[in-house]
Amino acid sequence: MIEIKPLFTKQSLKFLLKETKNLKNYSLTSFKEKNIIHLYEMKKNLNLGLIIPSTFTWKRIIEKSKKKFVKFLVLEKKFIREKKLNEIKKKIYFYTIKDKKLFNKFSNKNLIFENI
C-alpha cells in the first residue's frame, strides 16, 4: 500500500505511475480525493483507496464509499467497533494499530499496524 500524502499535480501522478508500473501487487491511497480521481482518470484498473480521517461523519463516509473510483476505504481505528460498517460494500482497512492487545482482539479485521 502506497500512501500519497500531499496533493500531487497530474504530472507528478504520471511520474508515480511510471515508477510503479513494474510492481505487481500494490494499491495507492490518499487523504486527498483529488489524487484518487486523477489516478483513476489516467488508469482505470488501479487499486485505489481513500483514507478517511476521524473527523468524518458516517453520512460522509457512506457517501465517499459509493464513489466509483474508490475500491477500498482506510478508516481510523476509532471506527473499528462500529456496527454501521455493514452498510459499506467495499473492503475496509483500519489504521494504525500500535497496541498488540488491540491487534490480537481484532485480528479478523483488515488492520494496518506499526511496531508490533
N, C-alpha and C. Protein backbone atom coordinates (compact mmCIF):
# COMPACT_ATOMS: atom_id res chain seq x y z
N MET A 1 0.86 -1.16 0.00
CA MET A 1 0.00 0.00 0.00
C MET A 1 0.91 1.23 0.00
N ILE A 2 0.72 2.08 -0.98
CA ILE A 2 1.50 3.31 -1.09
C ILE A 2 0.57 4.48 -0.76
N GLU A 3 0.96 5.27 0.22
CA GLU A 3 0.14 6.41 0.62
C GLU A 3 0.69 7.68 -0.01
N ILE A 4 -0.19 8.42 -0.68
CA ILE A 4 0.17 9.70 -1.27
C ILE A 4 -0.29 10.77 -0.31
N LYS A 5 0.65 11.48 0.28
CA LYS A 5 0.30 12.45 1.34
C LYS A 5 -0.16 13.79 0.80
N PRO A 6 0.68 14.53 0.05
CA PRO A 6 0.21 15.86 -0.38
C PRO A 6 -0.68 15.75 -1.61
N LEU A 7 -1.22 16.86 -2.03
CA LEU A 7 -1.98 16.92 -3.27
C LEU A 7 -0.96 17.01 -4.40
N PHE A 8 -0.95 16.01 -5.28
CA PHE A 8 0.01 15.95 -6.38
C PHE A 8 -0.57 16.58 -7.63
N THR A 9 0.31 17.09 -8.48
CA THR A 9 -0.11 17.57 -9.79
C THR A 9 -0.29 16.36 -10.69
N LYS A 10 -0.98 16.53 -11.80
CA LYS A 10 -1.17 15.42 -12.74
C LYS A 10 0.17 14.92 -13.25
N GLN A 11 1.10 15.82 -13.46
CA GLN A 11 2.43 15.42 -13.95
C GLN A 11 3.14 14.54 -12.91
N SER A 12 3.05 14.90 -11.65
CA SER A 12 3.66 14.11 -10.58
C SER A 12 3.00 12.74 -10.47
N LEU A 13 1.69 12.68 -10.66
CA LEU A 13 0.98 11.41 -10.61
C LEU A 13 1.37 10.52 -11.79
N LYS A 14 1.59 11.11 -12.96
CA LYS A 14 2.07 10.34 -14.13
C LYS A 14 3.44 9.75 -13.84
N PHE A 15 4.30 10.54 -13.20
CA PHE A 15 5.62 10.04 -12.83
C PHE A 15 5.50 8.90 -11.82
N LEU A 16 4.60 9.03 -10.87
CA LEU A 16 4.36 7.97 -9.89
C LEU A 16 3.91 6.68 -10.58
N LEU A 17 3.00 6.78 -11.53
CA LEU A 17 2.54 5.61 -12.27
C LEU A 17 3.69 4.97 -13.05
N LYS A 18 4.54 5.78 -13.61
CA LYS A 18 5.70 5.26 -14.34
C LYS A 18 6.63 4.50 -13.40
N GLU A 19 6.84 5.04 -12.21
CA GLU A 19 7.72 4.41 -11.23
C GLU A 19 7.15 3.10 -10.67
N THR A 20 5.84 2.99 -10.62
CA THR A 20 5.20 1.81 -10.02
C THR A 20 4.75 0.78 -11.06
N LYS A 21 5.00 1.02 -12.32
CA LYS A 21 4.49 0.12 -13.36
C LYS A 21 5.04 -1.30 -13.27
N ASN A 22 6.20 -1.49 -12.67
CA ASN A 22 6.78 -2.83 -12.55
C ASN A 22 6.34 -3.56 -11.29
N LEU A 23 5.64 -2.88 -10.41
CA LEU A 23 5.13 -3.54 -9.20
C LEU A 23 3.91 -4.37 -9.55
N LYS A 24 3.75 -5.51 -8.88
CA LYS A 24 2.63 -6.40 -9.20
C LYS A 24 1.44 -6.19 -8.27
N ASN A 25 1.64 -6.34 -7.00
CA ASN A 25 0.53 -6.23 -6.04
C ASN A 25 0.71 -4.99 -5.17
N TYR A 26 0.03 -3.94 -5.54
CA TYR A 26 0.11 -2.72 -4.75
C TYR A 26 -1.21 -1.96 -4.88
N SER A 27 -1.38 -1.06 -3.96
CA SER A 27 -2.55 -0.17 -4.02
C SER A 27 -2.08 1.23 -3.67
N LEU A 28 -2.81 2.20 -4.14
CA LEU A 28 -2.49 3.61 -3.88
C LEU A 28 -3.59 4.21 -3.02
N THR A 29 -3.20 4.91 -1.97
CA THR A 29 -4.17 5.54 -1.08
C THR A 29 -3.81 6.99 -0.87
N SER A 30 -4.82 7.79 -0.53
CA SER A 30 -4.59 9.20 -0.26
C SER A 30 -5.73 9.76 0.57
N PHE A 31 -5.40 10.77 1.38
CA PHE A 31 -6.43 11.54 2.07
C PHE A 31 -7.12 12.47 1.08
N LYS A 32 -6.38 12.86 0.04
CA LYS A 32 -6.88 13.82 -0.95
C LYS A 32 -7.64 13.08 -2.05
N GLU A 33 -8.93 13.28 -2.10
CA GLU A 33 -9.79 12.62 -3.09
C GLU A 33 -9.37 13.00 -4.51
N LYS A 34 -8.89 14.21 -4.68
CA LYS A 34 -8.47 14.69 -6.00
C LYS A 34 -7.34 13.82 -6.57
N ASN A 35 -6.40 13.39 -5.71
CA ASN A 35 -5.33 12.48 -6.17
C ASN A 35 -5.93 11.20 -6.74
N ILE A 36 -6.89 10.63 -6.03
CA ILE A 36 -7.51 9.37 -6.44
C ILE A 36 -8.28 9.56 -7.75
N ILE A 37 -8.97 10.67 -7.89
CA ILE A 37 -9.73 10.96 -9.11
C ILE A 37 -8.78 11.06 -10.30
N HIS A 38 -7.69 11.80 -10.15
CA HIS A 38 -6.74 11.95 -11.26
C HIS A 38 -6.09 10.63 -11.63
N LEU A 39 -5.74 9.81 -10.65
CA LEU A 39 -5.16 8.50 -10.93
C LEU A 39 -6.15 7.61 -11.66
N TYR A 40 -7.40 7.66 -11.25
CA TYR A 40 -8.45 6.87 -11.90
C TYR A 40 -8.63 7.30 -13.36
N GLU A 41 -8.58 8.59 -13.60
CA GLU A 41 -8.72 9.09 -14.97
C GLU A 41 -7.56 8.64 -15.85
N MET A 42 -6.37 8.49 -15.27
CA MET A 42 -5.20 8.07 -16.03
C MET A 42 -5.18 6.57 -16.28
N LYS A 43 -5.64 5.81 -15.29
CA LYS A 43 -5.59 4.34 -15.40
C LYS A 43 -6.73 3.76 -14.57
N LYS A 44 -7.73 3.26 -15.24
CA LYS A 44 -8.98 2.81 -14.59
C LYS A 44 -8.83 1.56 -13.72
N ASN A 45 -7.88 0.70 -14.04
CA ASN A 45 -7.80 -0.58 -13.32
C ASN A 45 -6.89 -0.55 -12.09
N LEU A 46 -6.51 0.62 -11.62
CA LEU A 46 -5.69 0.72 -10.41
C LEU A 46 -6.51 0.38 -9.16
N ASN A 47 -5.84 -0.15 -8.17
CA ASN A 47 -6.46 -0.44 -6.89
C ASN A 47 -6.31 0.81 -6.02
N LEU A 48 -7.35 1.65 -5.98
CA LEU A 48 -7.27 2.95 -5.32
C LEU A 48 -8.13 2.98 -4.06
N GLY A 49 -7.56 3.54 -3.00
CA GLY A 49 -8.28 3.64 -1.75
C GLY A 49 -8.26 5.05 -1.20
N LEU A 50 -9.28 5.38 -0.49
CA LEU A 50 -9.41 6.70 0.13
C LEU A 50 -9.23 6.54 1.63
N ILE A 51 -8.34 7.35 2.20
CA ILE A 51 -8.12 7.34 3.64
C ILE A 51 -9.09 8.32 4.27
N ILE A 52 -9.87 7.83 5.21
CA ILE A 52 -10.91 8.62 5.85
C ILE A 52 -10.41 9.10 7.22
N PRO A 53 -10.37 10.40 7.45
CA PRO A 53 -9.94 10.90 8.77
C PRO A 53 -11.01 10.68 9.84
N SER A 54 -10.61 10.79 11.07
CA SER A 54 -11.53 10.54 12.18
C SER A 54 -12.60 11.61 12.31
N THR A 55 -12.45 12.72 11.64
CA THR A 55 -13.42 13.82 11.74
C THR A 55 -14.64 13.63 10.83
N PHE A 56 -14.62 12.65 9.96
CA PHE A 56 -15.75 12.42 9.05
C PHE A 56 -16.96 11.86 9.79
N THR A 57 -18.15 12.24 9.34
CA THR A 57 -19.39 11.67 9.87
C THR A 57 -19.70 10.40 9.10
N TRP A 58 -20.63 9.58 9.63
CA TRP A 58 -20.99 8.34 8.93
C TRP A 58 -21.65 8.62 7.59
N LYS A 59 -22.43 9.67 7.54
CA LYS A 59 -23.07 10.05 6.28
C LYS A 59 -22.02 10.34 5.21
N ARG A 60 -21.00 11.05 5.60
CA ARG A 60 -19.93 11.40 4.65
C ARG A 60 -19.09 10.17 4.27
N ILE A 61 -18.86 9.27 5.20
CA ILE A 61 -18.11 8.04 4.90
C ILE A 61 -18.89 7.20 3.90
N ILE A 62 -20.19 7.03 4.11
CA ILE A 62 -21.03 6.25 3.19
C ILE A 62 -21.02 6.90 1.81
N GLU A 63 -21.12 8.21 1.77
CA GLU A 63 -21.11 8.95 0.51
C GLU A 63 -19.80 8.71 -0.26
N LYS A 64 -18.67 8.78 0.43
CA LYS A 64 -17.36 8.56 -0.20
C LYS A 64 -17.19 7.12 -0.66
N SER A 65 -17.76 6.17 0.08
CA SER A 65 -17.60 4.76 -0.27
C SER A 65 -18.35 4.40 -1.56
N LYS A 66 -19.30 5.20 -1.94
CA LYS A 66 -20.09 4.92 -3.15
C LYS A 66 -19.45 5.46 -4.42
N LYS A 67 -18.35 6.16 -4.32
CA LYS A 67 -17.66 6.69 -5.49
C LYS A 67 -17.08 5.54 -6.30
N LYS A 68 -17.21 5.61 -7.63
CA LYS A 68 -16.78 4.50 -8.49
C LYS A 68 -15.27 4.32 -8.51
N PHE A 69 -14.51 5.36 -8.26
CA PHE A 69 -13.05 5.24 -8.32
C PHE A 69 -12.45 4.71 -7.03
N VAL A 70 -13.23 4.62 -5.97
CA VAL A 70 -12.75 4.12 -4.68
C VAL A 70 -13.01 2.62 -4.61
N LYS A 71 -11.92 1.84 -4.54
CA LYS A 71 -12.04 0.38 -4.45
C LYS A 71 -12.10 -0.10 -2.99
N PHE A 72 -11.49 0.68 -2.08
CA PHE A 72 -11.50 0.33 -0.66
C PHE A 72 -11.34 1.60 0.17
N LEU A 73 -11.65 1.48 1.44
CA LEU A 73 -11.51 2.59 2.39
C LEU A 73 -10.51 2.23 3.47
N VAL A 74 -9.79 3.23 3.93
CA VAL A 74 -8.89 3.07 5.07
C VAL A 74 -9.43 4.00 6.16
N LEU A 75 -9.94 3.40 7.23
CA LEU A 75 -10.57 4.16 8.31
C LEU A 75 -9.68 4.23 9.54
N GLU A 76 -9.84 5.29 10.28
CA GLU A 76 -9.16 5.46 11.57
C GLU A 76 -9.63 4.33 12.50
N LYS A 77 -8.76 3.87 13.38
CA LYS A 77 -9.08 2.74 14.26
C LYS A 77 -10.26 3.01 15.19
N LYS A 78 -10.63 4.26 15.38
CA LYS A 78 -11.77 4.56 16.27
C LYS A 78 -13.08 4.01 15.71
N PHE A 79 -13.12 3.72 14.41
CA PHE A 79 -14.33 3.18 13.78
C PHE A 79 -14.41 1.65 13.84
N ILE A 80 -13.44 1.00 14.42
CA ILE A 80 -13.33 -0.46 14.36
C ILE A 80 -14.50 -1.19 15.03
N ARG A 81 -15.14 -0.58 16.00
CA ARG A 81 -16.24 -1.21 16.72
C ARG A 81 -17.62 -0.83 16.18
N GLU A 82 -17.66 -0.02 15.16
CA GLU A 82 -18.93 0.48 14.63
C GLU A 82 -19.76 -0.63 13.97
N LYS A 83 -21.03 -0.65 14.28
CA LYS A 83 -21.96 -1.62 13.69
C LYS A 83 -22.36 -1.23 12.27
N LYS A 84 -22.26 0.06 11.96
CA LYS A 84 -22.69 0.57 10.66
C LYS A 84 -21.74 0.19 9.52
N LEU A 85 -20.63 -0.47 9.84
CA LEU A 85 -19.67 -0.85 8.80
C LEU A 85 -20.29 -1.78 7.75
N ASN A 86 -21.34 -2.49 8.12
CA ASN A 86 -22.00 -3.40 7.19
C ASN A 86 -22.67 -2.66 6.04
N GLU A 87 -22.94 -1.38 6.22
CA GLU A 87 -23.54 -0.58 5.16
C GLU A 87 -22.57 -0.32 4.01
N ILE A 88 -21.29 -0.42 4.29
CA ILE A 88 -20.27 -0.15 3.28
C ILE A 88 -19.98 -1.45 2.54
N LYS A 89 -20.12 -1.44 1.25
CA LYS A 89 -19.98 -2.64 0.43
C LYS A 89 -18.57 -2.82 -0.12
N LYS A 90 -17.63 -2.00 0.30
CA LYS A 90 -16.26 -2.09 -0.18
C LYS A 90 -15.37 -2.59 0.94
N LYS A 91 -14.18 -3.05 0.58
CA LYS A 91 -13.22 -3.54 1.56
C LYS A 91 -12.78 -2.39 2.47
N ILE A 92 -12.61 -2.69 3.74
CA ILE A 92 -12.25 -1.68 4.73
C ILE A 92 -10.98 -2.11 5.47
N TYR A 93 -10.05 -1.17 5.60
CA TYR A 93 -8.84 -1.36 6.39
C TYR A 93 -8.87 -0.35 7.54
N PHE A 94 -8.17 -0.68 8.63
CA PHE A 94 -8.11 0.21 9.79
C PHE A 94 -6.66 0.53 10.09
N TYR A 95 -6.37 1.81 10.37
CA TYR A 95 -5.01 2.24 10.68
C TYR A 95 -5.01 2.99 11.99
N THR A 96 -3.94 3.27 12.54
CA THR A 96 -2.74 2.48 12.67
C THR A 96 -2.81 1.79 14.02
N ILE A 97 -2.67 0.53 13.99
CA ILE A 97 -2.75 -0.28 15.20
C ILE A 97 -1.33 -0.39 15.76
N LYS A 98 -1.14 0.09 16.98
CA LYS A 98 0.18 0.06 17.60
C LYS A 98 0.23 -0.86 18.81
N ASP A 99 -0.92 -1.20 19.32
CA ASP A 99 -1.03 -2.00 20.54
C ASP A 99 -1.26 -3.46 20.19
N LYS A 100 -0.44 -4.35 20.74
CA LYS A 100 -0.55 -5.77 20.43
C LYS A 100 -1.88 -6.36 20.93
N LYS A 101 -2.39 -5.88 22.07
CA LYS A 101 -3.68 -6.37 22.57
C LYS A 101 -4.80 -6.04 21.60
N LEU A 102 -4.80 -4.83 21.10
CA LEU A 102 -5.81 -4.41 20.12
C LEU A 102 -5.66 -5.21 18.83
N PHE A 103 -4.43 -5.44 18.43
CA PHE A 103 -4.17 -6.24 17.24
C PHE A 103 -4.72 -7.65 17.40
N ASN A 104 -4.47 -8.27 18.53
CA ASN A 104 -4.96 -9.64 18.77
C ASN A 104 -6.49 -9.69 18.88
N LYS A 105 -7.08 -8.68 19.49
CA LYS A 105 -8.52 -8.63 19.67
C LYS A 105 -9.27 -8.52 18.34
N PHE A 106 -8.72 -7.76 17.41
CA PHE A 106 -9.38 -7.53 16.13
C PHE A 106 -8.60 -8.14 14.97
N SER A 107 -7.96 -9.26 15.20
CA SER A 107 -7.13 -9.87 14.15
C SER A 107 -7.95 -10.35 12.96
N ASN A 108 -9.26 -10.48 13.12
CA ASN A 108 -10.12 -10.89 11.99
C ASN A 108 -10.43 -9.72 11.06
N LYS A 109 -10.07 -8.50 11.44
CA LYS A 109 -10.28 -7.31 10.62
C LYS A 109 -9.02 -7.06 9.79
N ASN A 110 -9.15 -6.22 8.78
CA ASN A 110 -8.01 -5.82 7.96
C ASN A 110 -7.30 -4.66 8.67
N LEU A 111 -6.21 -4.96 9.34
CA LEU A 111 -5.51 -3.97 10.15
C LEU A 111 -4.21 -3.53 9.49
N ILE A 112 -3.92 -2.25 9.62
CA ILE A 112 -2.62 -1.72 9.23
C ILE A 112 -1.93 -1.41 10.54
N PHE A 113 -0.80 -2.04 10.77
CA PHE A 113 -0.15 -1.87 12.07
C PHE A 113 1.27 -1.37 11.92
N GLU A 114 1.76 -0.82 13.02
CA GLU A 114 3.16 -0.42 13.08
C GLU A 114 3.75 -0.82 14.41
N ASN A 115 4.99 -1.21 14.36
CA ASN A 115 5.79 -1.52 15.55
C ASN A 115 5.20 -2.62 16.42
N ILE A 116 4.73 -3.68 15.82
CA ILE A 116 4.26 -4.81 16.64
C ILE A 116 5.32 -5.87 16.66
